[in-house]
Amino acid sequence: MISKFLSKLKSILFKSAVTSETPLKKEKKAAKSAKTKTKTKAVNSKKNIETLTTLPGVGAKSAKALYEAGFKTTKAVIAADEKDLLAVSGVGINLVKKLKKLK
């Protein structure tokens, strides 16, 4: 009986310490934050892909393939080994030769 009383007392005392934010409000904030992060990543990836198209011989498709393969910057593409570049679908030997001339 005393334990029930104490647990009831604890719940009453610690109720005031709980924030006024409901779980629904917390979910909305989390969802909004996730959307913002997703938009930022999408914008950054588009910019990076556009930057890769500035390399000679790299079009939109090959830039996207390079980006998805992990080459996020032009410096990363130029510094990459020929084997790694040839492993990317859409990248051929002629493109690799053009890129190696930039080194």
PDB file of N, CA and C in Angstrom:
ATOM      1  N   MET A   1       0.811  -1.183   0.000  1.00  0.00           N
ATOM      2  CA  MET A   1       0.000   0.000   0.000  1.00  0.00           C
ATOM      3  C   MET A   1       0.863   1.258   0.000  1.00  0.00           C
ATOM      4  N   ILE A   2       1.923   1.229   0.766  1.00  0.00           N
ATOM      5  CA  ILE A   2       2.833   2.378   0.815  1.00  0.00           C
ATOM      6  C   ILE A   2       3.532   2.544  -0.533  1.00  0.00           C
ATOM      7  N   SER A   3       3.889   1.438  -1.165  1.00  0.00           N
ATOM      8  CA  SER A   3       4.563   1.525  -2.465  1.00  0.00           C
ATOM      9  C   SER A   3       3.640   2.136  -3.517  1.00  0.00           C
ATOM     10  N   LYS A   4       2.361   1.825  -3.464  1.00  0.00           N
ATOM     11  CA  LYS A   4       1.408   2.435  -4.397  1.00  0.00           C
ATOM     12  C   LYS A   4       1.330   3.937  -4.159  1.00  0.00           C
ATOM     13  N   PHE A   5       1.297   4.292  -2.883  1.00  0.00           N
ATOM     14  CA  PHE A   5       1.237   5.709  -2.521  1.00  0.00           C
ATOM     15  C   PHE A   5       2.477   6.449  -3.014  1.00  0.00           C
ATOM     16  N   LEU A   6       3.644   5.835  -2.822  1.00  0.00           N
ATOM     17  CA  LEU A   6       4.895   6.471  -3.250  1.00  0.00           C
ATOM     18  C   LEU A   6       4.966   6.605  -4.766  1.00  0.00           C
ATOM     19  N   SER A   7       4.543   5.584  -5.470  1.00  0.00           N
ATOM     20  CA  SER A   7       4.572   5.663  -6.933  1.00  0.00           C
ATOM     21  C   SER A   7       3.605   6.729  -7.437  1.00  0.00           C
ATOM     22  N   LYS A   8       2.449   6.854  -6.786  1.00  0.00           N
ATOM     23  CA  LYS A   8       1.489   7.883  -7.155  1.00  0.00           C
ATOM     24  C   LYS A   8       2.076   9.263  -6.890  1.00  0.00           C
ATOM     25  N   LEU A   9       2.737   9.395  -5.737  1.00  0.00           N
ATOM     26  CA  LEU A   9       3.358  10.655  -5.363  1.00  0.00           C
ATOM     27  C   LEU A   9       4.463  11.043  -6.356  1.00  0.00           C
ATOM     28  N   LYS A  10       5.267  10.070  -6.758  1.00  0.00           N
ATOM     29  CA  LYS A  10       6.329  10.326  -7.737  1.00  0.00           C
ATOM     30  C   LYS A  10       5.741  10.806  -9.055  1.00  0.00           C
ATOM     31  N   SER A  11       4.689  10.143  -9.502  1.00  0.00           N
ATOM     32  CA  SER A  11       4.096  10.531 -10.780  1.00  0.00           C
ATOM     33  C   SER A  11       3.540  11.946 -10.719  1.00  0.00           C
ATOM     34  N   ILE A  12       2.986  12.327  -9.584  1.00  0.00           N
ATOM     35  CA  ILE A  12       2.454  13.683  -9.442  1.00  0.00           C
ATOM     36  C   ILE A  12       3.587  14.699  -9.375  1.00  0.00           C
ATOM     37  N   LEU A  13       4.626  14.394  -8.609  1.00  0.00           N
ATOM     38  CA  LEU A  13       5.735  15.326  -8.453  1.00  0.00           C
ATOM     39  C   LEU A  13       6.517  15.520  -9.737  1.00  0.00           C
ATOM     40  N   PHE A  14       6.758  14.456 -10.454  1.00  0.00           N
ATOM     41  CA  PHE A  14       7.584  14.544 -11.658  1.00  0.00           C
ATOM     42  C   PHE A  14       6.792  14.929 -12.897  1.00  0.00           C
ATOM     43  N   LYS A  15       5.492  15.024 -12.776  1.00  0.00           N
ATOM     44  CA  LYS A  15       4.670  15.454 -13.896  1.00  0.00           C
ATOM     45  C   LYS A  15       4.989  16.895 -14.263  1.00  0.00           C
ATOM     46  N   SER A  16       5.236  17.727 -13.287  1.00  0.00           N
ATOM     47  CA  SER A  16       5.527  19.133 -13.539  1.00  0.00           C
ATOM     48  C   SER A  16       6.889  19.321 -14.190  1.00  0.00           C
ATOM     49  N   ALA A  17       7.789  18.360 -14.008  1.00  0.00           N
ATOM     50  CA  ALA A  17       9.125  18.467 -14.596  1.00  0.00           C
ATOM     51  C   ALA A  17       9.127  18.111 -16.075  1.00  0.00           C
ATOM     52  N   VAL A  18       8.091  17.434 -16.538  1.00  0.00           N
ATOM     53  CA  VAL A  18       7.997  17.031 -17.937  1.00  0.00           C
ATOM     54  C   VAL A  18       7.684  18.257 -18.783  1.00  0.00           C
ATOM     55  N   THR A  19       8.248  18.317 -19.959  1.00  0.00           N
ATOM     56  CA  THR A  19       8.022  19.463 -20.832  1.00  0.00           C
ATOM     57  C   THR A  19       6.582  19.491 -21.301  1.00  0.00           C
ATOM     58  N   SER A  20       6.148  20.657 -21.713  1.00  0.00           N
ATOM     59  CA  SER A  20       4.771  20.819 -22.162  1.00  0.00           C
ATOM     60  C   SER A  20       4.577  20.333 -23.592  1.00  0.00           C
ATOM     61  N   GLU A  21       5.653  19.912 -24.248  1.00  0.00           N
ATOM     62  CA  GLU A  21       5.579  19.430 -25.615  1.00  0.00           C
ATOM     63  C   GLU A  21       4.948  18.052 -25.668  1.00  0.00           C
ATOM     64  N   THR A  22       3.940  17.916 -26.480  1.00  0.00           N
ATOM     65  CA  THR A  22       3.286  16.621 -26.617  1.00  0.00           C
ATOM     66  C   THR A  22       4.092  15.758 -27.575  1.00  0.00           C
ATOM     67  N   PRO A  23       3.896  14.452 -27.535  1.00  0.00           N
ATOM     68  CA  PRO A  23       4.609  13.579 -28.472  1.00  0.00           C
ATOM     69  C   PRO A  23       4.323  13.927 -29.931  1.00  0.00           C
ATOM     70  N   LEU A  24       3.117  14.397 -30.228  1.00  0.00           N
ATOM     71  CA  LEU A  24       2.769  14.761 -31.598  1.00  0.00           C
ATOM     72  C   LEU A  24       3.600  15.948 -32.069  1.00  0.00           C
ATOM     73  N   LYS A  25       3.779  16.940 -31.181  1.00  0.00           N
ATOM     74  CA  LYS A  25       4.598  18.093 -31.543  1.00  0.00           C
ATOM     75  C   LYS A  25       6.039  17.675 -31.802  1.00  0.00           C
ATOM     76  N   LYS A  26       6.549  16.751 -30.995  1.00  0.00           N
ATOM     77  CA  LYS A  26       7.915  16.265 -31.181  1.00  0.00           C
ATOM     78  C   LYS A  26       8.060  15.567 -32.524  1.00  0.00           C
ATOM     79  N   GLU A  27       7.055  14.765 -32.903  1.00  0.00           N
ATOM     80  CA  GLU A  27       7.094  14.060 -34.188  1.00  0.00           C
ATOM     81  C   GLU A  27       7.087  15.047 -35.342  1.00  0.00           C
ATOM     82  N   LYS A  28       6.262  16.089 -35.232  1.00  0.00           N
ATOM     83  CA  LYS A  28       6.202  17.082 -36.306  1.00  0.00           C
ATOM     84  C   LYS A  28       7.537  17.781 -36.474  1.00  0.00           C
ATOM     85  N   LYS A  29       8.173  18.144 -35.342  1.00  0.00           N
ATOM     86  CA  LYS A  29       9.478  18.803 -35.412  1.00  0.00           C
ATOM     87  C   LYS A  29      10.519  17.890 -36.042  1.00  0.00           C
ATOM     88  N   ALA A  30      10.503  16.623 -35.664  1.00  0.00           N
ATOM     89  CA  ALA A  30      11.465  15.664 -36.206  1.00  0.00           C
ATOM     90  C   ALA A  30      11.246  15.478 -37.703  1.00  0.00           C
ATOM     91  N   ALA A  31       9.994  15.402 -38.127  1.00  0.00           N
ATOM     92  CA  ALA A  31       9.686  15.226 -39.545  1.00  0.00           C
ATOM     93  C   ALA A  31      10.130  16.451 -40.338  1.00  0.00           C
ATOM     94  N   LYS A  32       9.898  17.632 -39.797  1.00  0.00           N
ATOM     95  CA  LYS A  32      10.301  18.864 -40.472  1.00  0.00           C
ATOM     96  C   LYS A  32      11.813  18.934 -40.613  1.00  0.00           C
ATOM     97  N   SER A  33      12.514  18.554 -39.569  1.00  0.00           N
ATOM     98  CA  SER A  33      13.972  18.557 -39.593  1.00  0.00           C
ATOM     99  C   SER A  33      14.504  17.563 -40.628  1.00  0.00           C
ATOM    100  N   ALA A  34      13.888  16.400 -40.703  1.00  0.00           N
ATOM    101  CA  ALA A  34      14.314  15.386 -41.668  1.00  0.00           C
ATOM    102  C   ALA A  34      14.093  15.865 -43.095  1.00  0.00           C
ATOM    103  N   LYS A  35      12.977  16.546 -43.355  1.00  0.00           N
ATOM    104  CA  LYS A  35      12.702  17.071 -44.699  1.00  0.00           C
ATOM    105  C   LYS A  35      13.742  18.109 -45.097  1.00  0.00           C
ATOM    106  N   THR A  36      14.110  18.962 -44.176  1.00  0.00           N
ATOM    107  CA  THR A  36      15.098  20.000 -44.451  1.00  0.00           C
ATOM    108  C   THR A  36      16.441  19.376 -44.797  1.00  0.00           C
ATOM    109  N   LYS A  37      16.839  18.359 -44.036  1.00  0.00           N
ATOM    110  CA  LYS A  37      18.120  17.696 -44.304  1.00  0.00           C
ATOM    111  C   LYS A  37      18.098  17.012 -45.655  1.00  0.00           C
ATOM    112  N   THR A  38      16.981  16.383 -46.002  1.00  0.00           N
ATOM    113  CA  THR A  38      16.867  15.693 -47.281  1.00  0.00           C
ATOM    114  C   THR A  38      16.958  16.686 -48.424  1.00  0.00           C
ATOM    115  N   LYS A  39      16.283  17.828 -48.302  1.00  0.00           N
ATOM    116  CA  LYS A  39      16.337  18.848 -49.345  1.00  0.00           C
ATOM    117  C   LYS A  39      17.761  19.359 -49.512  1.00  0.00           C
ATOM    118  N   THR A  40      18.451  19.590 -48.417  1.00  0.00           N
ATOM    119  CA  THR A  40      19.820  20.101 -48.472  1.00  0.00           C
ATOM    120  C   THR A  40      20.731  19.101 -49.167  1.00  0.00           C
ATOM    121  N   LYS A  41      20.583  17.823 -48.844  1.00  0.00           N
ATOM    122  CA  LYS A  41      21.412  16.804 -49.489  1.00  0.00           C
ATOM    123  C   LYS A  41      21.116  16.726 -50.979  1.00  0.00           C
ATOM    124  N   ALA A  42      19.840  16.839 -51.360  1.00  0.00           N
ATOM    125  CA  ALA A  42      19.471  16.771 -52.766  1.00  0.00           C
ATOM    126  C   ALA A  42      20.052  17.956 -53.529  1.00  0.00           C
ATOM    127  N   VAL A  43      20.003  19.127 -52.933  1.00  0.00           N
ATOM    128  CA  VAL A  43      20.552  20.319 -53.575  1.00  0.00           C
ATOM    129  C   VAL A  43      22.058  20.195 -53.716  1.00  0.00           C
ATOM    130  N   ASN A  44      22.733  19.722 -52.656  1.00  0.00           N
ATOM    131  CA  ASN A  44      24.179  19.560 -52.707  1.00  0.00           C
ATOM    132  C   ASN A  44      24.589  18.540 -53.751  1.00  0.00           C
ATOM    133  N   SER A  45      23.865  17.434 -53.859  1.00  0.00           N
ATOM    134  CA  SER A  45      24.226  16.423 -54.845  1.00  0.00           C
ATOM    135  C   SER A  45      24.037  16.960 -56.257  1.00  0.00           C
ATOM    136  N   LYS A  46      22.982  17.740 -56.481  1.00  0.00           N
ATOM    137  CA  LYS A  46      22.781  18.335 -57.807  1.00  0.00           C
ATOM    138  C   LYS A  46      23.933  19.270 -58.165  1.00  0.00           C
ATOM    139  N   LYS A  47      24.337  20.077 -57.198  1.00  0.00           N
ATOM    140  CA  LYS A  47      25.445  21.007 -57.445  1.00  0.00           C
ATOM    141  C   LYS A  47      26.732  20.256 -57.739  1.00  0.00           C
ATOM    142  N   ASN A  48      26.979  19.190 -56.993  1.00  0.00           N
ATOM    143  CA  ASN A  48      28.194  18.406 -57.212  1.00  0.00           C
ATOM    144  C   ASN A  48      28.173  17.735 -58.577  1.00  0.00           C
ATOM    145  N   ILE A  49      27.026  17.228 -58.974  1.00  0.00           N
ATOM    146  CA  ILE A  49      26.921  16.590 -60.291  1.00  0.00           C
ATOM    147  C   ILE A  49      27.140  17.631 -61.389  1.00  0.00           C
ATOM    148  N   GLU A  50      26.568  18.819 -61.224  1.00  0.00           N
ATOM    149  CA  GLU A  50      26.787  19.887 -62.207  1.00  0.00           C
ATOM    150  C   GLU A  50      28.254  20.279 -62.277  1.00  0.00           C
ATOM    151  N   THR A  51      28.922  20.271 -61.148  1.00  0.00           N
ATOM    152  CA  THR A  51      30.348  20.604 -61.111  1.00  0.00           C
ATOM    153  C   THR A  51      31.157  19.560 -61.863  1.00  0.00           C
ATOM    154  N   LEU A  52      30.772  18.302 -61.743  1.00  0.00           N
ATOM    155  CA  LEU A  52      31.498  17.239 -62.445  1.00  0.00           C
ATOM    156  C   LEU A  52      31.360  17.363 -63.957  1.00  0.00           C
ATOM    157  N   THR A  53      30.264  17.958 -64.425  1.00  0.00           N
ATOM    158  CA  THR A  53      30.080  18.117 -65.877  1.00  0.00           C
ATOM    159  C   THR A  53      31.032  19.153 -66.460  1.00  0.00           C
ATOM    160  N   THR A  54      31.730  19.912 -65.618  1.00  0.00           N
ATOM    161  CA  THR A  54      32.702  20.879 -66.129  1.00  0.00           C
ATOM    162  C   THR A  54      33.983  20.192 -66.611  1.00  0.00           C
ATOM    163  N   LEU A  55      34.167  18.951 -66.218  1.00  0.00           N
ATOM    164  CA  LEU A  55      35.330  18.197 -66.700  1.00  0.00           C
ATOM    165  C   LEU A  55      35.160  17.878 -68.177  1.00  0.00           C
ATOM    166  N   PRO A  56      36.246  17.905 -68.938  1.00  0.00           N
ATOM    167  CA  PRO A  56      36.132  17.625 -70.370  1.00  0.00           C
ATOM    168  C   PRO A  56      35.686  16.178 -70.621  1.00  0.00           C
ATOM    169  N   GLY A  57      34.668  16.041 -71.467  1.00  0.00           N
ATOM    170  CA  GLY A  57      34.177  14.716 -71.830  1.00  0.00           C
ATOM    171  C   GLY A  57      33.149  14.143 -70.872  1.00  0.00           C
ATOM    172  N   VAL A  58      32.867  14.831 -69.793  1.00  0.00           N
ATOM    173  CA  VAL A  58      31.909  14.328 -68.813  1.00  0.00           C
ATOM    174  C   VAL A  58      30.566  15.015 -69.030  1.00  0.00           C
ATOM    175  N   GLY A  59      29.575  14.201 -69.378  1.00  0.00           N
ATOM    176  CA  GLY A  59      28.221  14.716 -69.556  1.00  0.00           C
ATOM    177  C   GLY A  59      27.390  14.465 -68.315  1.00  0.00           C
ATOM    178  N   ALA A  60      26.113  14.694 -68.437  1.00  0.00           N
ATOM    179  CA  ALA A  60      25.208  14.560 -67.290  1.00  0.00           C
ATOM    180  C   ALA A  60      25.137  13.118 -66.781  1.00  0.00           C
ATOM    181  N   LYS A  61      25.053  12.171 -67.704  1.00  0.00           N
ATOM    182  CA  LYS A  61      24.932  10.762 -67.297  1.00  0.00           C
ATOM    183  C   LYS A  61      26.200  10.252 -66.632  1.00  0.00           C
ATOM    184  N   SER A  62      27.340  10.544 -67.235  1.00  0.00           N
ATOM    185  CA  SER A  62      28.585  10.062 -66.642  1.00  0.00           C
ATOM    186  C   SER A  62      28.894  10.803 -65.341  1.00  0.00           C
ATOM    187  N   ALA A  63      28.502  12.069 -65.245  1.00  0.00           N
ATOM    188  CA  ALA A  63      28.701  12.810 -63.997  1.00  0.00           C
ATOM    189  C   ALA A  63      27.878  12.187 -62.873  1.00  0.00           C
ATOM    190  N   LYS A  64      26.650  11.824 -63.185  1.00  0.00           N
ATOM    191  CA  LYS A  64      25.796  11.189 -62.177  1.00  0.00           C
ATOM    192  C   LYS A  64      26.369   9.839 -61.767  1.00  0.00           C
ATOM    193  N   ALA A  65      26.859   9.080 -62.744  1.00  0.00           N
ATOM    194  CA  ALA A  65      27.445   7.769 -62.448  1.00  0.00           C
ATOM    195  C   ALA A  65      28.697   7.919 -61.584  1.00  0.00           C
ATOM    196  N   LEU A  66      29.524   8.908 -61.889  1.00  0.00           N
ATOM    197  CA  LEU A  66      30.727   9.155 -61.092  1.00  0.00           C
ATOM    198  C   LEU A  66      30.361   9.560 -59.670  1.00  0.00           C
ATOM    199  N   TYR A  67      29.354  10.418 -59.540  1.00  0.00           N
ATOM    200  CA  TYR A  67      28.925  10.870 -58.218  1.00  0.00           C
ATOM    201  C   TYR A  67      28.403   9.702 -57.392  1.00  0.00           C
ATOM    202  N   GLU A  68      27.595   8.861 -58.008  1.00  0.00           N
ATOM    203  CA  GLU A  68      27.037   7.709 -57.297  1.00  0.00           C
ATOM    204  C   GLU A  68      28.107   6.674 -56.955  1.00  0.00           C
ATOM    205  N   ALA A  69      29.212   6.678 -57.716  1.00  0.00           N
ATOM    206  CA  ALA A  69      30.296   5.746 -57.434  1.00  0.00           C
ATOM    207  C   ALA A  69      31.217   6.262 -56.324  1.00  0.00           C
ATOM    208  N   GLY A  70      30.970   7.491 -55.868  1.00  0.00           N
ATOM    209  CA  GLY A  70      31.752   8.007 -54.751  1.00  0.00           C
ATOM    210  C   GLY A  70      32.700   9.137 -55.102  1.00  0.00           C
ATOM    211  N   PHE A  71      32.750   9.527 -56.352  1.00  0.00           N
ATOM    212  CA  PHE A  71      33.606  10.645 -56.770  1.00  0.00           C
ATOM    213  C   PHE A  71      32.782  11.922 -56.683  1.00  0.00           C
ATOM    214  N   LYS A  72      32.876  12.622 -55.554  1.00  0.00           N
ATOM    215  CA  LYS A  72      32.012  13.770 -55.273  1.00  0.00           C
ATOM    216  C   LYS A  72      32.550  15.087 -55.823  1.00  0.00           C
ATOM    217  N   THR A  73      33.853  15.164 -56.062  1.00  0.00           N
ATOM    218  CA  THR A  73      34.444  16.416 -56.536  1.00  0.00           C
ATOM    219  C   THR A  73      35.268  16.165 -57.788  1.00  0.00           C
ATOM    220  N   THR A  74      35.578  17.248 -58.485  1.00  0.00           N
ATOM    221  CA  THR A  74      36.412  17.124 -59.676  1.00  0.00           C
ATOM    222  C   THR A  74      37.827  16.671 -59.302  1.00  0.00           C
ATOM    223  N   LYS A  75      38.311  17.131 -58.161  1.00  0.00           N
ATOM    224  CA  LYS A  75      39.644  16.717 -57.704  1.00  0.00           C
ATOM    225  C   LYS A  75      39.696  15.214 -57.458  1.00  0.00           C
ATOM    226  N   ALA A  76      38.618  14.670 -56.919  1.00  0.00           N
ATOM    227  CA  ALA A  76      38.568  13.231 -56.654  1.00  0.00           C
ATOM    228  C   ALA A  76      38.593  12.438 -57.953  1.00  0.00           C
ATOM    229  N   VAL A  77      37.926  12.942 -58.968  1.00  0.00           N
ATOM    230  CA  VAL A  77      37.912  12.261 -60.272  1.00  0.00           C
ATOM    231  C   VAL A  77      39.292  12.314 -60.902  1.00  0.00           C
ATOM    232  N   ILE A  78      39.913  13.474 -60.866  1.00  0.00           N
ATOM    233  CA  ILE A  78      41.230  13.638 -61.485  1.00  0.00           C
ATOM    234  C   ILE A  78      42.280  12.802 -60.758  1.00  0.00           C
ATOM    235  N   ALA A  79      42.182  12.706 -59.449  1.00  0.00           N
ATOM    236  CA  ALA A  79      43.170  11.975 -58.662  1.00  0.00           C
ATOM    237  C   ALA A  79      42.937  10.461 -58.651  1.00  0.00           C
ATOM    238  N   ALA A  80      41.795  10.010 -59.144  1.00  0.00           N
ATOM    239  CA  ALA A  80      41.452   8.586 -59.079  1.00  0.00           C
ATOM    240  C   ALA A  80      42.309   7.752 -60.029  1.00  0.00           C
ATOM    241  N   ASP A  81      42.478   6.479 -59.685  1.00  0.00           N
ATOM    242  CA  ASP A  81      43.196   5.555 -60.557  1.00  0.00           C
ATOM    243  C   ASP A  81      42.337   5.214 -61.769  1.00  0.00           C
ATOM    244  N   GLU A  82      43.021   4.826 -62.854  1.00  0.00           N
ATOM    245  CA  GLU A  82      42.296   4.469 -64.075  1.00  0.00           C
ATOM    246  C   GLU A  82      41.364   3.288 -63.847  1.00  0.00           C
ATOM    247  N   LYS A  83      41.806   2.315 -63.062  1.00  0.00           N
ATOM    248  CA  LYS A  83      40.989   1.127 -62.789  1.00  0.00           C
ATOM    249  C   LYS A  83      39.683   1.511 -62.101  1.00  0.00           C
ATOM    250  N   ASP A  84      39.777   2.422 -61.138  1.00  0.00           N
ATOM    251  CA  ASP A  84      38.584   2.842 -60.402  1.00  0.00           C
ATOM    252  C   ASP A  84      37.603   3.571 -61.308  1.00  0.00           C
ATOM    253  N   LEU A  85      38.119   4.407 -62.194  1.00  0.00           N
ATOM    254  CA  LEU A  85      37.249   5.140 -63.106  1.00  0.00           C
ATOM    255  C   LEU A  85      36.594   4.206 -64.117  1.00  0.00           C
ATOM    256  N   LEU A  86      37.359   3.239 -64.605  1.00  0.00           N
ATOM    257  CA  LEU A  86      36.805   2.303 -65.584  1.00  0.00           C
ATOM    258  C   LEU A  86      35.751   1.377 -64.968  1.00  0.00           C
ATOM    259  N   ALA A  87      35.782   1.221 -63.670  1.00  0.00           N
ATOM    260  CA  ALA A  87      34.795   0.389 -62.988  1.00  0.00           C
ATOM    261  C   ALA A  87      33.419   1.053 -62.944  1.00  0.00           C
ATOM    262  N   VAL A  88      33.370   2.347 -63.168  1.00  0.00           N
ATOM    263  CA  VAL A  88      32.101   3.074 -63.157  1.00  0.00           C
ATOM    264  C   VAL A  88      31.408   2.856 -64.492  1.00  0.00           C
ATOM    265  N   SER A  89      30.123   2.481 -64.425  1.00  0.00           N
ATOM    266  CA  SER A  89      29.386   2.259 -65.675  1.00  0.00           C
ATOM    267  C   SER A  89      29.181   3.593 -66.379  1.00  0.00           C
ATOM    268  N   GLY A  90      29.382   3.598 -67.675  1.00  0.00           N
ATOM    269  CA  GLY A  90      29.238   4.817 -68.451  1.00  0.00           C
ATOM    270  C   GLY A  90      30.539   5.562 -68.648  1.00  0.00           C
ATOM    271  N   VAL A  91      31.603   5.074 -68.053  1.00  0.00           N
ATOM    272  CA  VAL A  91      32.916   5.708 -68.217  1.00  0.00           C
ATOM    273  C   VAL A  91      33.793   4.769 -69.027  1.00  0.00           C
ATOM    274  N   GLY A  92      34.262   5.275 -70.174  1.00  0.00           N
ATOM    275  CA  GLY A  92      35.087   4.460 -71.050  1.00  0.00           C
ATOM    276  C   GLY A  92      36.536   4.893 -71.030  1.00  0.00           C
ATOM    277  N   ILE A  93      37.329   4.188 -71.808  1.00  0.00           N
ATOM    278  CA  ILE A  93      38.770   4.431 -71.858  1.00  0.00           C
ATOM    279  C   ILE A  93      39.086   5.820 -72.412  1.00  0.00           C
ATOM    280  N   ASN A  94      38.286   6.285 -73.383  1.00  0.00           N
ATOM    281  CA  ASN A  94      38.542   7.617 -73.956  1.00  0.00           C
ATOM    282  C   ASN A  94      38.326   8.717 -72.925  1.00  0.00           C
ATOM    283  N   LEU A  95      37.298   8.581 -72.127  1.00  0.00           N
ATOM    284  CA  LEU A  95      37.050   9.563 -71.075  1.00  0.00           C
ATOM    285  C   LEU A  95      38.165   9.541 -70.039  1.00  0.00           C
ATOM    286  N   VAL A  96      38.626   8.353 -69.698  1.00  0.00           N
ATOM    287  CA  VAL A  96      39.712   8.230 -68.723  1.00  0.00           C
ATOM    288  C   VAL A  96      40.975   8.896 -69.263  1.00  0.00           C
ATOM    289  N   LYS A  97      41.248   8.735 -70.536  1.00  0.00           N
ATOM    290  CA  LYS A  97      42.418   9.367 -71.153  1.00  0.00           C
ATOM    291  C   LYS A  97      42.320  10.892 -71.072  1.00  0.00           C
ATOM    292  N   LYS A  98      41.113  11.429 -71.360  1.00  0.00           N
ATOM    293  CA  LYS A  98      40.917  12.881 -71.280  1.00  0.00           C
ATOM    294  C   LYS A  98      41.133  13.389 -69.863  1.00  0.00           C
ATOM    295  N   LEU A  99      40.645  12.620 -68.898  1.00  0.00           N
ATOM    296  CA  LEU A  99      40.773  13.033 -67.497  1.00  0.00           C
ATOM    297  C   LEU A  99      42.208  12.957 -67.006  1.00  0.00           C
ATOM    298  N   LYS A 100      42.945  11.981 -67.495  1.00  0.00           N
ATOM    299  CA  LYS A 100      44.357  11.822 -67.072  1.00  0.00           C
ATOM    300  C   LYS A 100      45.243  12.917 -67.655  1.00  0.00           C
ATOM    301  N   LYS A 101      44.806  13.522 -68.762  1.00  0.00           N
ATOM    302  CA  LYS A 101      45.564  14.642 -69.331  1.00  0.00           C
ATOM    303  C   LYS A 101      45.514  15.855 -68.399  1.00  0.00           C
ATOM    304  N   LEU A 102      44.487  15.922 -67.571  1.00  0.00           N
ATOM    305  CA  LEU A 102      44.333  17.057 -66.650  1.00  0.00           C
ATOM    306  C   LEU A 102      45.293  16.984 -65.480  1.00  0.00           C
ATOM    307  N   LYS A 103      45.827  15.810 -65.196  1.00  0.00           N
ATOM    308  CA  LYS A 103      46.708  15.630 -64.042  1.00  0.00           C
ATOM    309  C   LYS A 103      47.956  16.423 -64.107  1.00  0.00           C
TER     310      LYS A 103
END
